[in-house]
Amino acid sequence: GAYNFLLEGDNLHSLKLLEKTHKGK
């Protein structure tokens, strides 16, 4: 089944990477 995600760390760091995977999503 589908997965949820818990990202530990500075949220700016996580957001920079999420912009690669979830831009517009």
PDBML (XML) file of the C-alpha atoms, coordinates in Angstrom:
<?xml version="1.0" encoding="UTF-8" ?>
<PDBx:datablock datablockName="MODEL"
   xmlns:PDBx="http://pdbml.pdb.org/schema/pdbx-v50.xsd"
   xmlns:xsi="http://www.w3.org/2001/XMLSchema-instance"
   xsi:schemaLocation="http://pdbml.pdb.org/schema/pdbx-v50.xsd pdbx-v50.xsd">
   <PDBx:atom_siteCategory>
      <PDBx:atom_site id="1">
         <PDBx:B_iso_or_equiv>0.00</PDBx:B_iso_or_equiv>
         <PDBx:Cartn_x>0.000</PDBx:Cartn_x>
         <PDBx:Cartn_y>0.000</PDBx:Cartn_y>
         <PDBx:Cartn_z>0.000</PDBx:Cartn_z>
         <PDBx:auth_asym_id>A</PDBx:auth_asym_id>
         <PDBx:auth_atom_id>CA</PDBx:auth_atom_id>
         <PDBx:auth_comp_id>GLY</PDBx:auth_comp_id>
         <PDBx:auth_seq_id>1</PDBx:auth_seq_id>
         <PDBx:group_PDB>ATOM</PDBx:group_PDB>
         <PDBx:label_alt_id xsi:nil="true" />
         <PDBx:label_asym_id>A</PDBx:label_asym_id>
         <PDBx:label_atom_id>CA</PDBx:label_atom_id>
         <PDBx:label_comp_id>GLY</PDBx:label_comp_id>
         <PDBx:label_entity_id>1</PDBx:label_entity_id>
         <PDBx:label_seq_id>1</PDBx:label_seq_id>
         <PDBx:occupancy>1.00</PDBx:occupancy>
         <PDBx:pdbx_PDB_model_num>1</PDBx:pdbx_PDB_model_num>
         <PDBx:type_symbol>C</PDBx:type_symbol>
      </PDBx:atom_site>
      <PDBx:atom_site id="2">
         <PDBx:B_iso_or_equiv>0.00</PDBx:B_iso_or_equiv>
         <PDBx:Cartn_x>0.846</PDBx:Cartn_x>
         <PDBx:Cartn_y>3.704</PDBx:Cartn_y>
         <PDBx:Cartn_z>-0.110</PDBx:Cartn_z>
         <PDBx:auth_asym_id>A</PDBx:auth_asym_id>
         <PDBx:auth_atom_id>CA</PDBx:auth_atom_id>
         <PDBx:auth_comp_id>ALA</PDBx:auth_comp_id>
         <PDBx:auth_seq_id>2</PDBx:auth_seq_id>
         <PDBx:group_PDB>ATOM</PDBx:group_PDB>
         <PDBx:label_alt_id xsi:nil="true" />
         <PDBx:label_asym_id>A</PDBx:label_asym_id>
         <PDBx:label_atom_id>CA</PDBx:label_atom_id>
         <PDBx:label_comp_id>ALA</PDBx:label_comp_id>
         <PDBx:label_entity_id>1</PDBx:label_entity_id>
         <PDBx:label_seq_id>2</PDBx:label_seq_id>
         <PDBx:occupancy>1.00</PDBx:occupancy>
         <PDBx:pdbx_PDB_model_num>1</PDBx:pdbx_PDB_model_num>
         <PDBx:type_symbol>C</PDBx:type_symbol>
      </PDBx:atom_site>
      <PDBx:atom_site id="3">
         <PDBx:B_iso_or_equiv>0.00</PDBx:B_iso_or_equiv>
         <PDBx:Cartn_x>3.261</PDBx:Cartn_x>
         <PDBx:Cartn_y>5.244</PDBx:Cartn_y>
         <PDBx:Cartn_z>2.416</PDBx:Cartn_z>
         <PDBx:auth_asym_id>A</PDBx:auth_asym_id>
         <PDBx:auth_atom_id>CA</PDBx:auth_atom_id>
         <PDBx:auth_comp_id>TYR</PDBx:auth_comp_id>
         <PDBx:auth_seq_id>3</PDBx:auth_seq_id>
         <PDBx:group_PDB>ATOM</PDBx:group_PDB>
         <PDBx:label_alt_id xsi:nil="true" />
         <PDBx:label_asym_id>A</PDBx:label_asym_id>
         <PDBx:label_atom_id>CA</PDBx:label_atom_id>
         <PDBx:label_comp_id>TYR</PDBx:label_comp_id>
         <PDBx:label_entity_id>1</PDBx:label_entity_id>
         <PDBx:label_seq_id>3</PDBx:label_seq_id>
         <PDBx:occupancy>1.00</PDBx:occupancy>
         <PDBx:pdbx_PDB_model_num>1</PDBx:pdbx_PDB_model_num>
         <PDBx:type_symbol>C</PDBx:type_symbol>
      </PDBx:atom_site>
      <PDBx:atom_site id="4">
         <PDBx:B_iso_or_equiv>0.00</PDBx:B_iso_or_equiv>
         <PDBx:Cartn_x>3.163</PDBx:Cartn_x>
         <PDBx:Cartn_y>8.311</PDBx:Cartn_y>
         <PDBx:Cartn_z>4.625</PDBx:Cartn_z>
         <PDBx:auth_asym_id>A</PDBx:auth_asym_id>
         <PDBx:auth_atom_id>CA</PDBx:auth_atom_id>
         <PDBx:auth_comp_id>ASN</PDBx:auth_comp_id>
         <PDBx:auth_seq_id>4</PDBx:auth_seq_id>
         <PDBx:group_PDB>ATOM</PDBx:group_PDB>
         <PDBx:label_alt_id xsi:nil="true" />
         <PDBx:label_asym_id>A</PDBx:label_asym_id>
         <PDBx:label_atom_id>CA</PDBx:label_atom_id>
         <PDBx:label_comp_id>ASN</PDBx:label_comp_id>
         <PDBx:label_entity_id>1</PDBx:label_entity_id>
         <PDBx:label_seq_id>4</PDBx:label_seq_id>
         <PDBx:occupancy>1.00</PDBx:occupancy>
         <PDBx:pdbx_PDB_model_num>1</PDBx:pdbx_PDB_model_num>
         <PDBx:type_symbol>C</PDBx:type_symbol>
      </PDBx:atom_site>
      <PDBx:atom_site id="5">
         <PDBx:B_iso_or_equiv>0.00</PDBx:B_iso_or_equiv>
         <PDBx:Cartn_x>6.394</PDBx:Cartn_x>
         <PDBx:Cartn_y>10.061</PDBx:Cartn_y>
         <PDBx:Cartn_z>5.607</PDBx:Cartn_z>
         <PDBx:auth_asym_id>A</PDBx:auth_asym_id>
         <PDBx:auth_atom_id>CA</PDBx:auth_atom_id>
         <PDBx:auth_comp_id>PHE</PDBx:auth_comp_id>
         <PDBx:auth_seq_id>5</PDBx:auth_seq_id>
         <PDBx:group_PDB>ATOM</PDBx:group_PDB>
         <PDBx:label_alt_id xsi:nil="true" />
         <PDBx:label_asym_id>A</PDBx:label_asym_id>
         <PDBx:label_atom_id>CA</PDBx:label_atom_id>
         <PDBx:label_comp_id>PHE</PDBx:label_comp_id>
         <PDBx:label_entity_id>1</PDBx:label_entity_id>
         <PDBx:label_seq_id>5</PDBx:label_seq_id>
         <PDBx:occupancy>1.00</PDBx:occupancy>
         <PDBx:pdbx_PDB_model_num>1</PDBx:pdbx_PDB_model_num>
         <PDBx:type_symbol>C</PDBx:type_symbol>
      </PDBx:atom_site>
      <PDBx:atom_site id="6">
         <PDBx:B_iso_or_equiv>0.00</PDBx:B_iso_or_equiv>
         <PDBx:Cartn_x>7.945</PDBx:Cartn_x>
         <PDBx:Cartn_y>11.529</PDBx:Cartn_y>
         <PDBx:Cartn_z>8.752</PDBx:Cartn_z>
         <PDBx:auth_asym_id>A</PDBx:auth_asym_id>
         <PDBx:auth_atom_id>CA</PDBx:auth_atom_id>
         <PDBx:auth_comp_id>LEU</PDBx:auth_comp_id>
         <PDBx:auth_seq_id>6</PDBx:auth_seq_id>
         <PDBx:group_PDB>ATOM</PDBx:group_PDB>
         <PDBx:label_alt_id xsi:nil="true" />
         <PDBx:label_asym_id>A</PDBx:label_asym_id>
         <PDBx:label_atom_id>CA</PDBx:label_atom_id>
         <PDBx:label_comp_id>LEU</PDBx:label_comp_id>
         <PDBx:label_entity_id>1</PDBx:label_entity_id>
         <PDBx:label_seq_id>6</PDBx:label_seq_id>
         <PDBx:occupancy>1.00</PDBx:occupancy>
         <PDBx:pdbx_PDB_model_num>1</PDBx:pdbx_PDB_model_num>
         <PDBx:type_symbol>C</PDBx:type_symbol>
      </PDBx:atom_site>
      <PDBx:atom_site id="7">
         <PDBx:B_iso_or_equiv>0.00</PDBx:B_iso_or_equiv>
         <PDBx:Cartn_x>10.950</PDBx:Cartn_x>
         <PDBx:Cartn_y>13.739</PDBx:Cartn_y>
         <PDBx:Cartn_z>7.939</PDBx:Cartn_z>
         <PDBx:auth_asym_id>A</PDBx:auth_asym_id>
         <PDBx:auth_atom_id>CA</PDBx:auth_atom_id>
         <PDBx:auth_comp_id>LEU</PDBx:auth_comp_id>
         <PDBx:auth_seq_id>7</PDBx:auth_seq_id>
         <PDBx:group_PDB>ATOM</PDBx:group_PDB>
         <PDBx:label_alt_id xsi:nil="true" />
         <PDBx:label_asym_id>A</PDBx:label_asym_id>
         <PDBx:label_atom_id>CA</PDBx:label_atom_id>
         <PDBx:label_comp_id>LEU</PDBx:label_comp_id>
         <PDBx:label_entity_id>1</PDBx:label_entity_id>
         <PDBx:label_seq_id>7</PDBx:label_seq_id>
         <PDBx:occupancy>1.00</PDBx:occupancy>
         <PDBx:pdbx_PDB_model_num>1</PDBx:pdbx_PDB_model_num>
         <PDBx:type_symbol>C</PDBx:type_symbol>
      </PDBx:atom_site>
      <PDBx:atom_site id="8">
         <PDBx:B_iso_or_equiv>0.00</PDBx:B_iso_or_equiv>
         <PDBx:Cartn_x>13.257</PDBx:Cartn_x>
         <PDBx:Cartn_y>14.525</PDBx:Cartn_y>
         <PDBx:Cartn_z>10.841</PDBx:Cartn_z>
         <PDBx:auth_asym_id>A</PDBx:auth_asym_id>
         <PDBx:auth_atom_id>CA</PDBx:auth_atom_id>
         <PDBx:auth_comp_id>GLU</PDBx:auth_comp_id>
         <PDBx:auth_seq_id>8</PDBx:auth_seq_id>
         <PDBx:group_PDB>ATOM</PDBx:group_PDB>
         <PDBx:label_alt_id xsi:nil="true" />
         <PDBx:label_asym_id>A</PDBx:label_asym_id>
         <PDBx:label_atom_id>CA</PDBx:label_atom_id>
         <PDBx:label_comp_id>GLU</PDBx:label_comp_id>
         <PDBx:label_entity_id>1</PDBx:label_entity_id>
         <PDBx:label_seq_id>8</PDBx:label_seq_id>
         <PDBx:occupancy>1.00</PDBx:occupancy>
         <PDBx:pdbx_PDB_model_num>1</PDBx:pdbx_PDB_model_num>
         <PDBx:type_symbol>C</PDBx:type_symbol>
      </PDBx:atom_site>
      <PDBx:atom_site id="9">
         <PDBx:B_iso_or_equiv>0.00</PDBx:B_iso_or_equiv>
         <PDBx:Cartn_x>15.487</PDBx:Cartn_x>
         <PDBx:Cartn_y>17.591</PDBx:Cartn_y>
         <PDBx:Cartn_z>10.537</PDBx:Cartn_z>
         <PDBx:auth_asym_id>A</PDBx:auth_asym_id>
         <PDBx:auth_atom_id>CA</PDBx:auth_atom_id>
         <PDBx:auth_comp_id>GLY</PDBx:auth_comp_id>
         <PDBx:auth_seq_id>9</PDBx:auth_seq_id>
         <PDBx:group_PDB>ATOM</PDBx:group_PDB>
         <PDBx:label_alt_id xsi:nil="true" />
         <PDBx:label_asym_id>A</PDBx:label_asym_id>
         <PDBx:label_atom_id>CA</PDBx:label_atom_id>
         <PDBx:label_comp_id>GLY</PDBx:label_comp_id>
         <PDBx:label_entity_id>1</PDBx:label_entity_id>
         <PDBx:label_seq_id>9</PDBx:label_seq_id>
         <PDBx:occupancy>1.00</PDBx:occupancy>
         <PDBx:pdbx_PDB_model_num>1</PDBx:pdbx_PDB_model_num>
         <PDBx:type_symbol>C</PDBx:type_symbol>
      </PDBx:atom_site>
      <PDBx:atom_site id="10">
         <PDBx:B_iso_or_equiv>0.00</PDBx:B_iso_or_equiv>
         <PDBx:Cartn_x>15.406</PDBx:Cartn_x>
         <PDBx:Cartn_y>21.317</PDBx:Cartn_y>
         <PDBx:Cartn_z>9.797</PDBx:Cartn_z>
         <PDBx:auth_asym_id>A</PDBx:auth_asym_id>
         <PDBx:auth_atom_id>CA</PDBx:auth_atom_id>
         <PDBx:auth_comp_id>ASP</PDBx:auth_comp_id>
         <PDBx:auth_seq_id>10</PDBx:auth_seq_id>
         <PDBx:group_PDB>ATOM</PDBx:group_PDB>
         <PDBx:label_alt_id xsi:nil="true" />
         <PDBx:label_asym_id>A</PDBx:label_asym_id>
         <PDBx:label_atom_id>CA</PDBx:label_atom_id>
         <PDBx:label_comp_id>ASP</PDBx:label_comp_id>
         <PDBx:label_entity_id>1</PDBx:label_entity_id>
         <PDBx:label_seq_id>10</PDBx:label_seq_id>
         <PDBx:occupancy>1.00</PDBx:occupancy>
         <PDBx:pdbx_PDB_model_num>1</PDBx:pdbx_PDB_model_num>
         <PDBx:type_symbol>C</PDBx:type_symbol>
      </PDBx:atom_site>
      <PDBx:atom_site id="11">
         <PDBx:B_iso_or_equiv>0.00</PDBx:B_iso_or_equiv>
         <PDBx:Cartn_x>12.165</PDBx:Cartn_x>
         <PDBx:Cartn_y>21.904</PDBx:Cartn_y>
         <PDBx:Cartn_z>7.906</PDBx:Cartn_z>
         <PDBx:auth_asym_id>A</PDBx:auth_asym_id>
         <PDBx:auth_atom_id>CA</PDBx:auth_atom_id>
         <PDBx:auth_comp_id>ASN</PDBx:auth_comp_id>
         <PDBx:auth_seq_id>11</PDBx:auth_seq_id>
         <PDBx:group_PDB>ATOM</PDBx:group_PDB>
         <PDBx:label_alt_id xsi:nil="true" />
         <PDBx:label_asym_id>A</PDBx:label_asym_id>
         <PDBx:label_atom_id>CA</PDBx:label_atom_id>
         <PDBx:label_comp_id>ASN</PDBx:label_comp_id>
         <PDBx:label_entity_id>1</PDBx:label_entity_id>
         <PDBx:label_seq_id>11</PDBx:label_seq_id>
         <PDBx:occupancy>1.00</PDBx:occupancy>
         <PDBx:pdbx_PDB_model_num>1</PDBx:pdbx_PDB_model_num>
         <PDBx:type_symbol>C</PDBx:type_symbol>
      </PDBx:atom_site>
      <PDBx:atom_site id="12">
         <PDBx:B_iso_or_equiv>0.00</PDBx:B_iso_or_equiv>
         <PDBx:Cartn_x>13.878</PDBx:Cartn_x>
         <PDBx:Cartn_y>24.247</PDBx:Cartn_y>
         <PDBx:Cartn_z>5.417</PDBx:Cartn_z>
         <PDBx:auth_asym_id>A</PDBx:auth_asym_id>
         <PDBx:auth_atom_id>CA</PDBx:auth_atom_id>
         <PDBx:auth_comp_id>LEU</PDBx:auth_comp_id>
         <PDBx:auth_seq_id>12</PDBx:auth_seq_id>
         <PDBx:group_PDB>ATOM</PDBx:group_PDB>
         <PDBx:label_alt_id xsi:nil="true" />
         <PDBx:label_asym_id>A</PDBx:label_asym_id>
         <PDBx:label_atom_id>CA</PDBx:label_atom_id>
         <PDBx:label_comp_id>LEU</PDBx:label_comp_id>
         <PDBx:label_entity_id>1</PDBx:label_entity_id>
         <PDBx:label_seq_id>12</PDBx:label_seq_id>
         <PDBx:occupancy>1.00</PDBx:occupancy>
         <PDBx:pdbx_PDB_model_num>1</PDBx:pdbx_PDB_model_num>
         <PDBx:type_symbol>C</PDBx:type_symbol>
      </PDBx:atom_site>
      <PDBx:atom_site id="13">
         <PDBx:B_iso_or_equiv>0.00</PDBx:B_iso_or_equiv>
         <PDBx:Cartn_x>16.180</PDBx:Cartn_x>
         <PDBx:Cartn_y>21.369</PDBx:Cartn_y>
         <PDBx:Cartn_z>4.505</PDBx:Cartn_z>
         <PDBx:auth_asym_id>A</PDBx:auth_asym_id>
         <PDBx:auth_atom_id>CA</PDBx:auth_atom_id>
         <PDBx:auth_comp_id>HIS</PDBx:auth_comp_id>
         <PDBx:auth_seq_id>13</PDBx:auth_seq_id>
         <PDBx:group_PDB>ATOM</PDBx:group_PDB>
         <PDBx:label_alt_id xsi:nil="true" />
         <PDBx:label_asym_id>A</PDBx:label_asym_id>
         <PDBx:label_atom_id>CA</PDBx:label_atom_id>
         <PDBx:label_comp_id>HIS</PDBx:label_comp_id>
         <PDBx:label_entity_id>1</PDBx:label_entity_id>
         <PDBx:label_seq_id>13</PDBx:label_seq_id>
         <PDBx:occupancy>1.00</PDBx:occupancy>
         <PDBx:pdbx_PDB_model_num>1</PDBx:pdbx_PDB_model_num>
         <PDBx:type_symbol>C</PDBx:type_symbol>
      </PDBx:atom_site>
      <PDBx:atom_site id="14">
         <PDBx:B_iso_or_equiv>0.00</PDBx:B_iso_or_equiv>
         <PDBx:Cartn_x>13.171</PDBx:Cartn_x>
         <PDBx:Cartn_y>19.064</PDBx:Cartn_y>
         <PDBx:Cartn_z>4.058</PDBx:Cartn_z>
         <PDBx:auth_asym_id>A</PDBx:auth_asym_id>
         <PDBx:auth_atom_id>CA</PDBx:auth_atom_id>
         <PDBx:auth_comp_id>SER</PDBx:auth_comp_id>
         <PDBx:auth_seq_id>14</PDBx:auth_seq_id>
         <PDBx:group_PDB>ATOM</PDBx:group_PDB>
         <PDBx:label_alt_id xsi:nil="true" />
         <PDBx:label_asym_id>A</PDBx:label_asym_id>
         <PDBx:label_atom_id>CA</PDBx:label_atom_id>
         <PDBx:label_comp_id>SER</PDBx:label_comp_id>
         <PDBx:label_entity_id>1</PDBx:label_entity_id>
         <PDBx:label_seq_id>14</PDBx:label_seq_id>
         <PDBx:occupancy>1.00</PDBx:occupancy>
         <PDBx:pdbx_PDB_model_num>1</PDBx:pdbx_PDB_model_num>
         <PDBx:type_symbol>C</PDBx:type_symbol>
      </PDBx:atom_site>
      <PDBx:atom_site id="15">
         <PDBx:B_iso_or_equiv>0.00</PDBx:B_iso_or_equiv>
         <PDBx:Cartn_x>11.228</PDBx:Cartn_x>
         <PDBx:Cartn_y>21.655</PDBx:Cartn_y>
         <PDBx:Cartn_z>2.053</PDBx:Cartn_z>
         <PDBx:auth_asym_id>A</PDBx:auth_asym_id>
         <PDBx:auth_atom_id>CA</PDBx:auth_atom_id>
         <PDBx:auth_comp_id>LEU</PDBx:auth_comp_id>
         <PDBx:auth_seq_id>15</PDBx:auth_seq_id>
         <PDBx:group_PDB>ATOM</PDBx:group_PDB>
         <PDBx:label_alt_id xsi:nil="true" />
         <PDBx:label_asym_id>A</PDBx:label_asym_id>
         <PDBx:label_atom_id>CA</PDBx:label_atom_id>
         <PDBx:label_comp_id>LEU</PDBx:label_comp_id>
         <PDBx:label_entity_id>1</PDBx:label_entity_id>
         <PDBx:label_seq_id>15</PDBx:label_seq_id>
         <PDBx:occupancy>1.00</PDBx:occupancy>
         <PDBx:pdbx_PDB_model_num>1</PDBx:pdbx_PDB_model_num>
         <PDBx:type_symbol>C</PDBx:type_symbol>
      </PDBx:atom_site>
      <PDBx:atom_site id="16">
         <PDBx:B_iso_or_equiv>0.00</PDBx:B_iso_or_equiv>
         <PDBx:Cartn_x>14.143</PDBx:Cartn_x>
         <PDBx:Cartn_y>22.119</PDBx:Cartn_y>
         <PDBx:Cartn_z>-0.356</PDBx:Cartn_z>
         <PDBx:auth_asym_id>A</PDBx:auth_asym_id>
         <PDBx:auth_atom_id>CA</PDBx:auth_atom_id>
         <PDBx:auth_comp_id>LYS</PDBx:auth_comp_id>
         <PDBx:auth_seq_id>16</PDBx:auth_seq_id>
         <PDBx:group_PDB>ATOM</PDBx:group_PDB>
         <PDBx:label_alt_id xsi:nil="true" />
         <PDBx:label_asym_id>A</PDBx:label_asym_id>
         <PDBx:label_atom_id>CA</PDBx:label_atom_id>
         <PDBx:label_comp_id>LYS</PDBx:label_comp_id>
         <PDBx:label_entity_id>1</PDBx:label_entity_id>
         <PDBx:label_seq_id>16</PDBx:label_seq_id>
         <PDBx:occupancy>1.00</PDBx:occupancy>
         <PDBx:pdbx_PDB_model_num>1</PDBx:pdbx_PDB_model_num>
         <PDBx:type_symbol>C</PDBx:type_symbol>
      </PDBx:atom_site>
      <PDBx:atom_site id="17">
         <PDBx:B_iso_or_equiv>0.00</PDBx:B_iso_or_equiv>
         <PDBx:Cartn_x>14.037</PDBx:Cartn_x>
         <PDBx:Cartn_y>18.385</PDBx:Cartn_y>
         <PDBx:Cartn_z>-1.108</PDBx:Cartn_z>
         <PDBx:auth_asym_id>A</PDBx:auth_asym_id>
         <PDBx:auth_atom_id>CA</PDBx:auth_atom_id>
         <PDBx:auth_comp_id>LEU</PDBx:auth_comp_id>
         <PDBx:auth_seq_id>17</PDBx:auth_seq_id>
         <PDBx:group_PDB>ATOM</PDBx:group_PDB>
         <PDBx:label_alt_id xsi:nil="true" />
         <PDBx:label_asym_id>A</PDBx:label_asym_id>
         <PDBx:label_atom_id>CA</PDBx:label_atom_id>
         <PDBx:label_comp_id>LEU</PDBx:label_comp_id>
         <PDBx:label_entity_id>1</PDBx:label_entity_id>
         <PDBx:label_seq_id>17</PDBx:label_seq_id>
         <PDBx:occupancy>1.00</PDBx:occupancy>
         <PDBx:pdbx_PDB_model_num>1</PDBx:pdbx_PDB_model_num>
         <PDBx:type_symbol>C</PDBx:type_symbol>
      </PDBx:atom_site>
      <PDBx:atom_site id="18">
         <PDBx:B_iso_or_equiv>0.00</PDBx:B_iso_or_equiv>
         <PDBx:Cartn_x>10.241</PDBx:Cartn_x>
         <PDBx:Cartn_y>18.211</PDBx:Cartn_y>
         <PDBx:Cartn_z>-1.210</PDBx:Cartn_z>
         <PDBx:auth_asym_id>A</PDBx:auth_asym_id>
         <PDBx:auth_atom_id>CA</PDBx:auth_atom_id>
         <PDBx:auth_comp_id>LEU</PDBx:auth_comp_id>
         <PDBx:auth_seq_id>18</PDBx:auth_seq_id>
         <PDBx:group_PDB>ATOM</PDBx:group_PDB>
         <PDBx:label_alt_id xsi:nil="true" />
         <PDBx:label_asym_id>A</PDBx:label_asym_id>
         <PDBx:label_atom_id>CA</PDBx:label_atom_id>
         <PDBx:label_comp_id>LEU</PDBx:label_comp_id>
         <PDBx:label_entity_id>1</PDBx:label_entity_id>
         <PDBx:label_seq_id>18</PDBx:label_seq_id>
         <PDBx:occupancy>1.00</PDBx:occupancy>
         <PDBx:pdbx_PDB_model_num>1</PDBx:pdbx_PDB_model_num>
         <PDBx:type_symbol>C</PDBx:type_symbol>
      </PDBx:atom_site>
      <PDBx:atom_site id="19">
         <PDBx:B_iso_or_equiv>0.00</PDBx:B_iso_or_equiv>
         <PDBx:Cartn_x>10.357</PDBx:Cartn_x>
         <PDBx:Cartn_y>20.882</PDBx:Cartn_y>
         <PDBx:Cartn_z>-3.910</PDBx:Cartn_z>
         <PDBx:auth_asym_id>A</PDBx:auth_asym_id>
         <PDBx:auth_atom_id>CA</PDBx:auth_atom_id>
         <PDBx:auth_comp_id>GLU</PDBx:auth_comp_id>
         <PDBx:auth_seq_id>19</PDBx:auth_seq_id>
         <PDBx:group_PDB>ATOM</PDBx:group_PDB>
         <PDBx:label_alt_id xsi:nil="true" />
         <PDBx:label_asym_id>A</PDBx:label_asym_id>
         <PDBx:label_atom_id>CA</PDBx:label_atom_id>
         <PDBx:label_comp_id>GLU</PDBx:label_comp_id>
         <PDBx:label_entity_id>1</PDBx:label_entity_id>
         <PDBx:label_seq_id>19</PDBx:label_seq_id>
         <PDBx:occupancy>1.00</PDBx:occupancy>
         <PDBx:pdbx_PDB_model_num>1</PDBx:pdbx_PDB_model_num>
         <PDBx:type_symbol>C</PDBx:type_symbol>
      </PDBx:atom_site>
      <PDBx:atom_site id="20">
         <PDBx:B_iso_or_equiv>0.00</PDBx:B_iso_or_equiv>
         <PDBx:Cartn_x>12.101</PDBx:Cartn_x>
         <PDBx:Cartn_y>18.283</PDBx:Cartn_y>
         <PDBx:Cartn_z>-6.076</PDBx:Cartn_z>
         <PDBx:auth_asym_id>A</PDBx:auth_asym_id>
         <PDBx:auth_atom_id>CA</PDBx:auth_atom_id>
         <PDBx:auth_comp_id>LYS</PDBx:auth_comp_id>
         <PDBx:auth_seq_id>20</PDBx:auth_seq_id>
         <PDBx:group_PDB>ATOM</PDBx:group_PDB>
         <PDBx:label_alt_id xsi:nil="true" />
         <PDBx:label_asym_id>A</PDBx:label_asym_id>
         <PDBx:label_atom_id>CA</PDBx:label_atom_id>
         <PDBx:label_comp_id>LYS</PDBx:label_comp_id>
         <PDBx:label_entity_id>1</PDBx:label_entity_id>
         <PDBx:label_seq_id>20</PDBx:label_seq_id>
         <PDBx:occupancy>1.00</PDBx:occupancy>
         <PDBx:pdbx_PDB_model_num>1</PDBx:pdbx_PDB_model_num>
         <PDBx:type_symbol>C</PDBx:type_symbol>
      </PDBx:atom_site>
      <PDBx:atom_site id="21">
         <PDBx:B_iso_or_equiv>0.00</PDBx:B_iso_or_equiv>
         <PDBx:Cartn_x>9.557</PDBx:Cartn_x>
         <PDBx:Cartn_y>15.522</PDBx:Cartn_y>
         <PDBx:Cartn_z>-5.430</PDBx:Cartn_z>
         <PDBx:auth_asym_id>A</PDBx:auth_asym_id>
         <PDBx:auth_atom_id>CA</PDBx:auth_atom_id>
         <PDBx:auth_comp_id>THR</PDBx:auth_comp_id>
         <PDBx:auth_seq_id>21</PDBx:auth_seq_id>
         <PDBx:group_PDB>ATOM</PDBx:group_PDB>
         <PDBx:label_alt_id xsi:nil="true" />
         <PDBx:label_asym_id>A</PDBx:label_asym_id>
         <PDBx:label_atom_id>CA</PDBx:label_atom_id>
         <PDBx:label_comp_id>THR</PDBx:label_comp_id>
         <PDBx:label_entity_id>1</PDBx:label_entity_id>
         <PDBx:label_seq_id>21</PDBx:label_seq_id>
         <PDBx:occupancy>1.00</PDBx:occupancy>
         <PDBx:pdbx_PDB_model_num>1</PDBx:pdbx_PDB_model_num>
         <PDBx:type_symbol>C</PDBx:type_symbol>
      </PDBx:atom_site>
      <PDBx:atom_site id="22">
         <PDBx:B_iso_or_equiv>0.00</PDBx:B_iso_or_equiv>
         <PDBx:Cartn_x>6.251</PDBx:Cartn_x>
         <PDBx:Cartn_y>17.316</PDBx:Cartn_y>
         <PDBx:Cartn_z>-4.764</PDBx:Cartn_z>
         <PDBx:auth_asym_id>A</PDBx:auth_asym_id>
         <PDBx:auth_atom_id>CA</PDBx:auth_atom_id>
         <PDBx:auth_comp_id>HIS</PDBx:auth_comp_id>
         <PDBx:auth_seq_id>22</PDBx:auth_seq_id>
         <PDBx:group_PDB>ATOM</PDBx:group_PDB>
         <PDBx:label_alt_id xsi:nil="true" />
         <PDBx:label_asym_id>A</PDBx:label_asym_id>
         <PDBx:label_atom_id>CA</PDBx:label_atom_id>
         <PDBx:label_comp_id>HIS</PDBx:label_comp_id>
         <PDBx:label_entity_id>1</PDBx:label_entity_id>
         <PDBx:label_seq_id>22</PDBx:label_seq_id>
         <PDBx:occupancy>1.00</PDBx:occupancy>
         <PDBx:pdbx_PDB_model_num>1</PDBx:pdbx_PDB_model_num>
         <PDBx:type_symbol>C</PDBx:type_symbol>
      </PDBx:atom_site>
      <PDBx:atom_site id="23">
         <PDBx:B_iso_or_equiv>0.00</PDBx:B_iso_or_equiv>
         <PDBx:Cartn_x>6.262</PDBx:Cartn_x>
         <PDBx:Cartn_y>20.598</PDBx:Cartn_y>
         <PDBx:Cartn_z>-6.653</PDBx:Cartn_z>
         <PDBx:auth_asym_id>A</PDBx:auth_asym_id>
         <PDBx:auth_atom_id>CA</PDBx:auth_atom_id>
         <PDBx:auth_comp_id>LYS</PDBx:auth_comp_id>
         <PDBx:auth_seq_id>23</PDBx:auth_seq_id>
         <PDBx:group_PDB>ATOM</PDBx:group_PDB>
         <PDBx:label_alt_id xsi:nil="true" />
         <PDBx:label_asym_id>A</PDBx:label_asym_id>
         <PDBx:label_atom_id>CA</PDBx:label_atom_id>
         <PDBx:label_comp_id>LYS</PDBx:label_comp_id>
         <PDBx:label_entity_id>1</PDBx:label_entity_id>
         <PDBx:label_seq_id>23</PDBx:label_seq_id>
         <PDBx:occupancy>1.00</PDBx:occupancy>
         <PDBx:pdbx_PDB_model_num>1</PDBx:pdbx_PDB_model_num>
         <PDBx:type_symbol>C</PDBx:type_symbol>
      </PDBx:atom_site>
      <PDBx:atom_site id="24">
         <PDBx:B_iso_or_equiv>0.00</PDBx:B_iso_or_equiv>
         <PDBx:Cartn_x>2.633</PDBx:Cartn_x>
         <PDBx:Cartn_y>21.381</PDBx:Cartn_y>
         <PDBx:Cartn_z>-7.502</PDBx:Cartn_z>
         <PDBx:auth_asym_id>A</PDBx:auth_asym_id>
         <PDBx:auth_atom_id>CA</PDBx:auth_atom_id>
         <PDBx:auth_comp_id>GLY</PDBx:auth_comp_id>
         <PDBx:auth_seq_id>24</PDBx:auth_seq_id>
         <PDBx:group_PDB>ATOM</PDBx:group_PDB>
         <PDBx:label_alt_id xsi:nil="true" />
         <PDBx:label_asym_id>A</PDBx:label_asym_id>
         <PDBx:label_atom_id>CA</PDBx:label_atom_id>
         <PDBx:label_comp_id>GLY</PDBx:label_comp_id>
         <PDBx:label_entity_id>1</PDBx:label_entity_id>
         <PDBx:label_seq_id>24</PDBx:label_seq_id>
         <PDBx:occupancy>1.00</PDBx:occupancy>
         <PDBx:pdbx_PDB_model_num>1</PDBx:pdbx_PDB_model_num>
         <PDBx:type_symbol>C</PDBx:type_symbol>
      </PDBx:atom_site>
      <PDBx:atom_site id="25">
         <PDBx:B_iso_or_equiv>0.00</PDBx:B_iso_or_equiv>
         <PDBx:Cartn_x>1.394</PDBx:Cartn_x>
         <PDBx:Cartn_y>18.146</PDBx:Cartn_y>
         <PDBx:Cartn_z>-5.888</PDBx:Cartn_z>
         <PDBx:auth_asym_id>A</PDBx:auth_asym_id>
         <PDBx:auth_atom_id>CA</PDBx:auth_atom_id>
         <PDBx:auth_comp_id>LYS</PDBx:auth_comp_id>
         <PDBx:auth_seq_id>25</PDBx:auth_seq_id>
         <PDBx:group_PDB>ATOM</PDBx:group_PDB>
         <PDBx:label_alt_id xsi:nil="true" />
         <PDBx:label_asym_id>A</PDBx:label_asym_id>
         <PDBx:label_atom_id>CA</PDBx:label_atom_id>
         <PDBx:label_comp_id>LYS</PDBx:label_comp_id>
         <PDBx:label_entity_id>1</PDBx:label_entity_id>
         <PDBx:label_seq_id>25</PDBx:label_seq_id>
         <PDBx:occupancy>1.00</PDBx:occupancy>
         <PDBx:pdbx_PDB_model_num>1</PDBx:pdbx_PDB_model_num>
         <PDBx:type_symbol>C</PDBx:type_symbol>
      </PDBx:atom_site>
   </PDBx:atom_siteCategory>
</PDBx:datablock>
